[in-house]
Amino acid sequence: MLIDAGSGAIAHTIISLGEAMGISVVAEGVETEEQQEFLAHMGCHSYQGYLFSAALPLEEFDQWLASFAKNAV
């Protein structure tokens, strides 16, 4: 989406549609800080992807989440 203007336009449209409908949008597949910043600038503030973690089994995810919450305080 940072390289292809069409992909950026699609992301912007989806975020705008979510805002217009009063629903939050989660960006999937965020791999770089630049992508996260681009999305945040457009109003998307929920993300998932390898920038944060690879896919995890539930038990490992629970541990990761607890650690993340502990460090966020």
C-alpha atoms as a PDB file:
ATOM      1  CA  MET A   1       0.000   0.000   0.000  1.00  0.00           C
ATOM      2  CA  LEU A   2       2.998   2.287   0.410  1.00  0.00           C
ATOM      3  CA  ILE A   3       4.276   1.376  -3.049  1.00  0.00           C
ATOM      4  CA  ASP A   4       1.014   0.949  -4.971  1.00  0.00           C
ATOM      5  CA  ALA A   5      -1.235   4.032  -4.937  1.00  0.00           C
ATOM      6  CA  GLY A   6      -4.256   1.854  -5.746  1.00  0.00           C
ATOM      7  CA  SER A   7      -3.765  -0.236  -2.616  1.00  0.00           C
ATOM      8  CA  GLY A   8      -3.456   2.914  -0.511  1.00  0.00           C
ATOM      9  CA  ALA A   9      -6.683   4.226  -2.022  1.00  0.00           C
ATOM     10  CA  ILE A  10      -8.464   0.969  -1.177  1.00  0.00           C
ATOM     11  CA  ALA A  11      -7.214   1.115   2.421  1.00  0.00           C
ATOM     12  CA  HIS A  12      -8.358   4.736   2.706  1.00  0.00           C
ATOM     13  CA  THR A  13     -11.796   3.858   1.315  1.00  0.00           C
ATOM     14  CA  ILE A  14     -12.262   0.969   3.754  1.00  0.00           C
ATOM     15  CA  ILE A  15     -11.212   3.097   6.727  1.00  0.00           C
ATOM     16  CA  SER A  16     -13.548   5.912   5.624  1.00  0.00           C
ATOM     17  CA  LEU A  17     -16.421   3.464   5.165  1.00  0.00           C
ATOM     18  CA  GLY A  18     -15.856   2.064   8.652  1.00  0.00           C
ATOM     19  CA  GLU A  19     -15.876   5.562  10.134  1.00  0.00           C
ATOM     20  CA  ALA A  20     -19.071   6.458   8.242  1.00  0.00           C
ATOM     21  CA  MET A  21     -20.770   3.314   9.548  1.00  0.00           C
ATOM     22  CA  GLY A  22     -19.522   3.830  13.095  1.00  0.00           C
ATOM     23  CA  ILE A  23     -17.505   0.632  13.184  1.00  0.00           C
ATOM     24  CA  SER A  24     -13.827   0.128  13.872  1.00  0.00           C
ATOM     25  CA  VAL A  25     -11.504  -1.264  11.244  1.00  0.00           C
ATOM     26  CA  VAL A  26      -8.658  -3.678  11.982  1.00  0.00           C
ATOM     27  CA  ALA A  27      -5.788  -3.621   9.499  1.00  0.00           C
ATOM     28  CA  GLU A  28      -4.485  -7.112   8.849  1.00  0.00           C
ATOM     29  CA  GLY A  29      -1.023  -7.986   7.615  1.00  0.00           C
ATOM     30  CA  VAL A  30       0.809  -4.961   9.038  1.00  0.00           C
ATOM     31  CA  GLU A  31       4.483  -5.827   8.741  1.00  0.00           C
ATOM     32  CA  THR A  32       6.346  -2.520   9.048  1.00  0.00           C
ATOM     33  CA  GLU A  33       6.212   0.597  11.194  1.00  0.00           C
ATOM     34  CA  GLU A  34       5.786   2.618   7.996  1.00  0.00           C
ATOM     35  CA  GLN A  35       2.594   0.714   7.188  1.00  0.00           C
ATOM     36  CA  GLN A  36       1.299   1.255  10.727  1.00  0.00           C
ATOM     37  CA  GLU A  37       2.054   4.988  10.539  1.00  0.00           C
ATOM     38  CA  PHE A  38       0.363   5.253   7.131  1.00  0.00           C
ATOM     39  CA  LEU A  39      -2.758   3.563   8.458  1.00  0.00           C
ATOM     40  CA  ALA A  40      -2.762   5.626  11.667  1.00  0.00           C
ATOM     41  CA  HIS A  41      -2.566   8.811   9.601  1.00  0.00           C
ATOM     42  CA  MET A  42      -5.722   7.681   7.780  1.00  0.00           C
ATOM     43  CA  GLY A  43      -7.535   7.004  11.065  1.00  0.00           C
ATOM     44  CA  CYS A  44      -7.021   3.264  11.551  1.00  0.00           C
ATOM     45  CA  HIS A  45      -5.677   2.475  15.019  1.00  0.00           C
ATOM     46  CA  SER A  46      -6.162  -1.299  15.312  1.00  0.00           C
ATOM     47  CA  TYR A  47      -3.702  -3.637  13.644  1.00  0.00           C
ATOM     48  CA  GLN A  48      -2.491  -7.198  13.460  1.00  0.00           C
ATOM     49  CA  GLY A  49       0.447  -8.682  11.668  1.00  0.00           C
ATOM     50  CA  TYR A  50       4.081  -9.685  11.874  1.00  0.00           C
ATOM     51  CA  LEU A  51       5.073  -6.215  13.104  1.00  0.00           C
ATOM     52  CA  PHE A  52       3.631  -7.328  16.441  1.00  0.00           C
ATOM     53  CA  SER A  53       3.923 -11.119  16.400  1.00  0.00           C
ATOM     54  CA  ALA A  54       3.719 -14.184  14.227  1.00  0.00           C
ATOM     55  CA  ALA A  55       0.616 -16.335  14.618  1.00  0.00           C
ATOM     56  CA  LEU A  56       0.653 -18.091  17.994  1.00  0.00           C
ATOM     57  CA  PRO A  57      -1.119 -21.023  19.616  1.00  0.00           C
ATOM     58  CA  LEU A  58      -3.737 -19.827  22.119  1.00  0.00           C
ATOM     59  CA  GLU A  59      -1.640 -20.519  25.227  1.00  0.00           C
ATOM     60  CA  GLU A  60       1.342 -18.626  23.820  1.00  0.00           C
ATOM     61  CA  PHE A  61      -0.947 -15.788  22.742  1.00  0.00           C
ATOM     62  CA  ASP A  62      -2.347 -15.511  26.269  1.00  0.00           C
ATOM     63  CA  GLN A  63       1.215 -15.236  27.606  1.00  0.00           C
ATOM     64  CA  TRP A  64       2.158 -12.679  24.951  1.00  0.00           C
ATOM     65  CA  LEU A  65      -0.955 -10.612  25.683  1.00  0.00           C
ATOM     66  CA  ALA A  66      -0.312 -10.659  29.432  1.00  0.00           C
ATOM     67  CA  SER A  67       3.269  -9.537  28.839  1.00  0.00           C
ATOM     68  CA  PHE A  68       2.135  -6.828  26.427  1.00  0.00           C
ATOM     69  CA  ALA A  69      -0.470  -5.517  28.877  1.00  0.00           C
ATOM     70  CA  LYS A  70       2.054  -5.547  31.714  1.00  0.00           C
ATOM     71  CA  ASN A  71       4.576  -3.535  29.652  1.00  0.00           C
ATOM     72  CA  ALA A  72       1.922  -1.068  28.449  1.00  0.00           C
ATOM     73  CA  VAL A  73       1.218   0.181  31.979  1.00  0.00           C
END
